[in-house]
Amino acid sequence: MSKRDDLIAKYAADLKEKCGVNADMDLLTKVTIGCGPSIYNADSSTVSSSDESELATVKNNFLIKKLGLTDSDDLDAGIASVMEQYGQSNRNKYRAVVYYLLTKHFGKESAY
């Protein structure tokens, strides 16, 4: 298996164990590919839920630019909901998993 396939398997396990979600593997694969090379870097492969600038980046670069959503309080509420679902105490929140959960939360699977 390639390194990306290993990461996708790790993300699927994370979704099942920490979020209680059985991943749509096709969508998870597309979201992971969409993250690009960031998934291979230790710092950029995770999202810090306590860093406001990091959450603003997720909102602007992913929700607004990638998914085509309009900026509103709903986006902040969606991010907060996903972070809560992933578990605030969980230190490693993988970017691909967060993006997958946000895609599902906002029903924007069609973006992929």
Protein backbone atom coordinates (compact mmCIF):
# COMPACT_ATOMS: atom_id res chain seq x y z
CA MET A 1 0.00 0.00 0.00
CA SER A 2 1.09 3.54 -0.67
CA LYS A 3 1.71 6.04 2.10
CA ARG A 4 -1.55 7.80 1.18
CA ASP A 5 -3.50 4.53 1.42
CA ASP A 6 -2.00 3.95 4.88
CA LEU A 7 -3.09 7.44 5.94
CA ILE A 8 -6.61 6.93 4.57
CA ALA A 9 -6.88 3.69 6.58
CA LYS A 10 -5.67 5.58 9.68
CA TYR A 11 -8.25 8.33 9.09
CA ALA A 12 -11.06 5.77 8.68
CA ALA A 13 -10.03 4.12 11.97
CA ASP A 14 -9.96 7.55 13.64
CA LEU A 15 -13.48 8.30 12.39
CA LYS A 16 -14.78 4.97 13.73
CA GLU A 17 -12.99 5.06 17.10
CA LYS A 18 -13.22 8.73 18.02
CA CYS A 19 -16.36 9.89 16.22
CA GLY A 20 -18.40 6.71 15.93
CA VAL A 21 -18.70 7.25 12.17
CA ASN A 22 -18.39 4.56 9.53
CA ALA A 23 -16.53 6.38 6.78
CA ASP A 24 -17.70 6.58 3.19
CA MET A 25 -14.32 5.41 1.89
CA ASP A 26 -14.82 6.95 -1.56
CA LEU A 27 -15.52 10.39 -0.08
CA LEU A 28 -12.74 10.05 2.52
CA THR A 29 -10.28 9.20 -0.27
CA LYS A 30 -11.37 12.25 -2.29
CA VAL A 31 -11.14 14.55 0.74
CA THR A 32 -7.67 13.19 1.58
CA ILE A 33 -6.45 13.71 -2.00
CA GLY A 34 -7.94 17.21 -1.87
CA CYS A 35 -5.75 18.02 1.16
CA GLY A 36 -2.71 17.61 -1.06
CA PRO A 37 0.78 17.34 0.38
CA SER A 38 -0.29 18.79 3.75
CA ILE A 39 -1.22 15.28 4.95
CA TYR A 40 2.45 14.26 4.89
CA ASN A 41 3.65 17.09 7.15
CA ALA A 42 3.33 16.55 10.91
CA ASP A 43 2.23 20.15 11.59
CA SER A 44 -0.10 20.75 8.66
CA SER A 45 -1.73 17.30 8.79
CA THR A 46 -3.57 18.23 12.00
CA VAL A 47 -5.97 21.00 12.99
CA SER A 48 -5.61 22.78 16.32
CA SER A 49 -9.11 23.36 17.68
CA SER A 50 -7.80 25.86 20.23
CA ASP A 51 -6.04 28.09 17.65
CA GLU A 52 -8.43 30.75 16.36
CA SER A 53 -6.28 31.54 13.31
CA GLU A 54 -6.21 27.84 12.39
CA LEU A 55 -10.01 27.63 12.60
CA ALA A 56 -10.30 30.80 10.50
CA THR A 57 -8.09 29.15 7.87
CA VAL A 58 -10.32 26.05 7.85
CA LYS A 59 -13.36 28.31 7.48
CA ASN A 60 -11.94 30.50 4.69
CA ASN A 61 -9.87 28.03 2.68
CA PHE A 62 -12.05 24.95 3.02
CA LEU A 63 -15.65 25.86 3.80
CA ILE A 64 -15.85 29.04 1.74
CA LYS A 65 -13.36 28.44 -1.10
CA LYS A 66 -13.57 24.64 -1.54
CA LEU A 67 -17.15 23.88 -0.54
CA GLY A 68 -18.53 27.19 -1.81
CA LEU A 69 -20.43 28.06 1.38
CA THR A 70 -21.36 31.62 2.29
CA ASP A 71 -19.64 33.17 5.31
CA SER A 72 -22.04 33.13 8.26
CA ASP A 73 -22.30 32.15 11.92
CA ASP A 74 -23.47 28.73 10.71
CA LEU A 75 -19.93 27.99 9.55
CA ASP A 76 -18.47 28.70 13.00
CA ALA A 77 -21.21 26.61 14.60
CA GLY A 78 -20.47 23.77 12.14
CA ILE A 79 -16.75 23.87 12.94
CA ALA A 80 -17.51 23.90 16.69
CA SER A 81 -19.89 20.96 16.24
CA VAL A 82 -17.31 18.92 14.32
CA MET A 83 -14.59 19.70 16.87
CA GLU A 84 -16.95 18.61 19.65
CA GLN A 85 -17.78 15.40 17.75
CA TYR A 86 -14.07 14.67 17.22
CA GLY A 87 -13.45 15.31 20.93
CA GLN A 88 -11.94 18.48 22.39
CA SER A 89 -9.51 16.44 24.48
CA ASN A 90 -8.23 14.58 21.43
CA ARG A 91 -4.86 16.18 20.65
CA ASN A 92 -4.44 14.93 17.08
CA LYS A 93 -7.33 16.06 14.94
CA TYR A 94 -6.36 15.05 11.44
CA ARG A 95 -7.10 17.66 8.79
CA ALA A 96 -8.57 15.09 6.38
CA VAL A 97 -10.92 13.79 9.09
CA VAL A 98 -12.02 17.30 10.08
CA TYR A 99 -12.64 18.17 6.40
CA TYR A 100 -14.55 14.91 5.89
CA LEU A 101 -16.77 15.61 8.91
CA LEU A 102 -17.36 19.21 7.75
CA THR A 103 -18.25 18.01 4.25
CA LYS A 104 -20.80 15.59 5.73
CA HIS A 105 -22.06 18.18 8.26
CA PHE A 106 -22.88 20.70 5.53
CA GLY A 107 -24.08 18.06 3.04
CA LYS A 108 -21.56 19.20 0.42
CA GLU A 109 -20.40 15.78 -0.81
CA SER A 110 -21.14 17.06 -4.32
CA ALA A 111 -18.06 19.34 -4.07
CA TYR A 112 -16.03 16.19 -4.59
